[in-house]
Amino acid sequence: MDRFALNFEDGGRLALRDKRRLSRAVLDPDLSRLGPDAAEATRVDFGRLGQGATPVKARLLDQSRIAGVGNLLADETLWRARIDPRRPAGELADEDLDVLRRALRAATRDAIRKGGVHTGDLIAERRRGGRCPRCGATLERAKVGGRTTFWCPADQAA
């Protein structure tokens, strides 16, 4: 279903297709509340991410902390970083945050290069009964930060 479309004089068309009706188009949005872009976030930006008892996945999804991270990218990033998505953000050491930042940058670059976040290594297995692409363990599933989350209990131990 097209949620938004622009038709150009030359016959071209720009459309936002959204089967699940989760997205929206905003012209001239207020970006002042957004955090730094995920692909450009610094160590300082990630230092602000690692605070409090909120699960790290919920912090990654908070657009005021780091902008541009959605549910699939968060799962892929945490899987690459071998960090349990339920882990309180405030428990992450500086080294953990560095690993997380590098994993997010790599996952973002790979998604852009391959044509979308749905191309991530974990994403194909992100379903009931799915297996970890790294070790073969059955993935766990739960709600974290209000979103369905998948992780490997062996590689992303709490």
Protein backbone atom coordinates (compact mmCIF):
# COMPACT_ATOMS: atom_id res chain seq x y z
CA MET A 1 0.00 0.00 0.00
CA ASP A 2 1.35 3.44 -0.89
CA ARG A 3 1.23 5.65 2.20
CA PHE A 4 2.61 8.66 0.36
CA ALA A 5 3.42 9.41 -3.27
CA LEU A 6 4.86 12.27 -5.30
CA ASN A 7 4.22 12.33 -9.03
CA PHE A 8 6.73 14.29 -11.10
CA GLU A 9 6.06 16.20 -14.32
CA ASP A 10 8.43 13.92 -16.26
CA GLY A 11 6.30 10.87 -15.35
CA GLY A 12 8.51 9.71 -12.47
CA ARG A 13 7.00 8.74 -9.14
CA LEU A 14 8.34 8.58 -5.61
CA ALA A 15 6.26 6.34 -3.34
CA LEU A 16 6.48 5.19 0.25
CA ARG A 17 5.16 1.62 0.35
CA ASP A 18 4.25 0.34 3.75
CA LYS A 19 2.33 -2.94 3.98
CA ARG A 20 2.37 -2.91 7.78
CA ARG A 21 1.36 0.77 8.05
CA LEU A 22 4.21 1.57 10.45
CA SER A 23 5.84 4.48 8.62
CA ARG A 24 4.88 8.01 7.75
CA ALA A 25 6.10 10.83 5.58
CA VAL A 26 6.69 14.26 7.11
CA LEU A 27 7.58 17.27 5.01
CA ASP A 28 10.01 19.66 6.71
CA PRO A 29 10.14 17.73 10.01
CA ASP A 30 11.53 19.14 13.26
CA LEU A 31 14.83 17.29 13.68
CA SER A 32 15.95 19.09 16.83
CA ARG A 33 14.98 16.16 19.06
CA LEU A 34 16.94 13.58 17.09
CA GLY A 35 20.25 12.27 18.30
CA PRO A 36 23.27 11.90 16.03
CA ASP A 37 22.95 9.69 12.96
CA ALA A 38 23.78 6.04 13.71
CA ALA A 39 26.43 5.91 11.00
CA GLU A 40 28.23 8.94 12.43
CA ALA A 41 27.79 8.54 16.20
CA THR A 42 30.96 9.14 18.20
CA ARG A 43 32.31 7.53 21.37
CA VAL A 44 30.85 10.45 23.35
CA ASP A 45 27.42 9.84 21.78
CA PHE A 46 27.61 6.17 22.73
CA GLY A 47 28.71 7.10 26.24
CA ARG A 48 25.31 8.78 26.67
CA LEU A 49 23.65 5.62 25.39
CA GLY A 50 25.13 3.53 28.21
CA GLN A 51 23.23 4.98 31.15
CA GLY A 52 20.50 3.72 33.47
CA ALA A 53 18.60 0.48 33.86
CA THR A 54 16.81 0.61 30.50
CA PRO A 55 17.66 -2.40 28.29
CA VAL A 56 20.33 -1.60 25.71
CA LYS A 57 17.98 -2.49 22.84
CA ALA A 58 15.44 0.09 24.02
CA ARG A 59 18.26 2.67 24.21
CA LEU A 60 19.29 1.86 20.63
CA LEU A 61 15.70 2.38 19.48
CA ASP A 62 15.46 5.76 21.25
CA GLN A 63 15.80 8.21 18.35
CA SER A 64 16.74 11.04 20.72
CA ARG A 65 19.89 9.09 21.70
CA ILE A 66 20.98 7.66 18.32
CA ALA A 67 18.90 8.39 15.19
CA GLY A 68 18.17 5.87 12.47
CA VAL A 69 18.16 2.58 14.38
CA GLY A 70 15.04 0.50 13.87
CA ASN A 71 14.05 -2.86 15.27
CA LEU A 72 15.85 -5.05 12.72
CA LEU A 73 19.04 -2.98 12.76
CA ALA A 74 19.09 -3.07 16.58
CA ASP A 75 18.81 -6.88 16.63
CA GLU A 76 21.50 -7.25 13.94
CA THR A 77 23.83 -4.83 15.73
CA LEU A 78 23.45 -6.44 19.15
CA TRP A 79 23.98 -9.89 17.61
CA ARG A 80 27.18 -8.72 15.89
CA ALA A 81 28.38 -7.12 19.14
CA ARG A 82 27.44 -10.28 21.13
CA ILE A 83 25.45 -8.18 23.62
CA ASP A 84 22.21 -9.42 25.19
CA PRO A 85 19.44 -6.96 24.18
CA ARG A 86 17.93 -7.16 27.69
CA ARG A 87 21.13 -6.06 29.40
CA PRO A 88 20.76 -2.75 31.26
CA ALA A 89 22.49 -0.03 29.25
CA GLY A 90 24.15 1.30 32.41
CA GLU A 91 26.02 -2.00 32.85
CA LEU A 92 27.90 -1.60 29.56
CA ALA A 93 31.59 -0.82 30.03
CA ASP A 94 33.37 1.63 27.72
CA GLU A 95 34.79 -1.37 25.83
CA ASP A 96 31.28 -2.78 25.32
CA LEU A 97 30.08 0.57 24.00
CA ASP A 98 33.03 0.70 21.58
CA VAL A 99 32.20 -2.78 20.30
CA LEU A 100 28.53 -1.77 19.97
CA ARG A 101 29.41 1.42 18.07
CA ARG A 102 31.64 -0.46 15.64
CA ALA A 103 28.97 -3.17 15.15
CA LEU A 104 26.31 -0.53 14.44
CA ARG A 105 28.50 1.22 11.88
CA ALA A 106 29.34 -2.08 10.16
CA ALA A 107 25.71 -3.25 10.13
CA THR A 108 24.61 0.13 8.72
CA ARG A 109 27.28 0.07 5.98
CA ASP A 110 26.37 -3.53 5.08
CA ALA A 111 22.65 -2.70 4.93
CA ILE A 112 23.30 0.24 2.60
CA ARG A 113 25.62 -1.80 0.40
CA LYS A 114 23.28 -4.83 0.21
CA GLY A 115 20.04 -2.88 -0.27
CA GLY A 116 18.40 -2.82 3.15
CA VAL A 117 18.45 -3.92 6.76
CA HIS A 118 16.51 -7.06 5.83
CA THR A 119 19.77 -8.41 4.30
CA GLY A 120 21.54 -8.76 7.67
CA ASP A 121 23.01 -12.10 8.70
CA LEU A 122 20.67 -12.56 11.68
CA ILE A 123 17.53 -11.28 9.95
CA ALA A 124 16.91 -14.38 7.79
CA GLU A 125 16.75 -16.43 11.00
CA ARG A 126 14.73 -13.88 12.97
CA ARG A 127 11.66 -16.11 13.48
CA ARG A 128 10.36 -18.76 15.85
CA GLY A 129 12.73 -21.71 15.65
CA GLY A 130 15.38 -19.65 13.87
CA ARG A 131 19.03 -20.57 14.36
CA CYS A 132 22.03 -18.39 15.11
CA PRO A 133 24.02 -17.97 11.87
CA ARG A 134 27.24 -18.05 13.91
CA CYS A 135 26.82 -21.05 16.24
CA GLY A 136 23.53 -22.75 15.28
CA ALA A 137 21.81 -22.30 18.66
CA THR A 138 18.04 -21.76 18.61
CA LEU A 139 17.30 -18.05 18.89
CA GLU A 140 15.41 -16.67 21.88
CA ARG A 141 12.44 -14.34 21.39
CA ALA A 142 10.87 -11.76 23.71
CA LYS A 143 9.57 -8.21 23.86
CA VAL A 144 12.23 -5.63 24.72
CA GLY A 145 11.40 -1.95 24.67
CA GLY A 146 7.95 -2.88 23.34
CA ARG A 147 9.41 -4.57 20.24
CA THR A 148 9.79 -8.22 19.30
CA THR A 149 13.44 -9.12 19.78
CA PHE A 150 15.53 -12.12 18.75
CA TRP A 151 18.98 -13.03 20.11
CA CYS A 152 21.32 -15.98 20.47
CA PRO A 153 21.40 -17.25 24.08
CA ALA A 154 24.88 -18.74 23.52
CA ASP A 155 26.60 -15.81 21.77
CA GLN A 156 24.73 -13.02 23.55
CA ALA A 157 24.73 -14.35 27.10
CA ALA A 158 23.55 -11.93 29.78
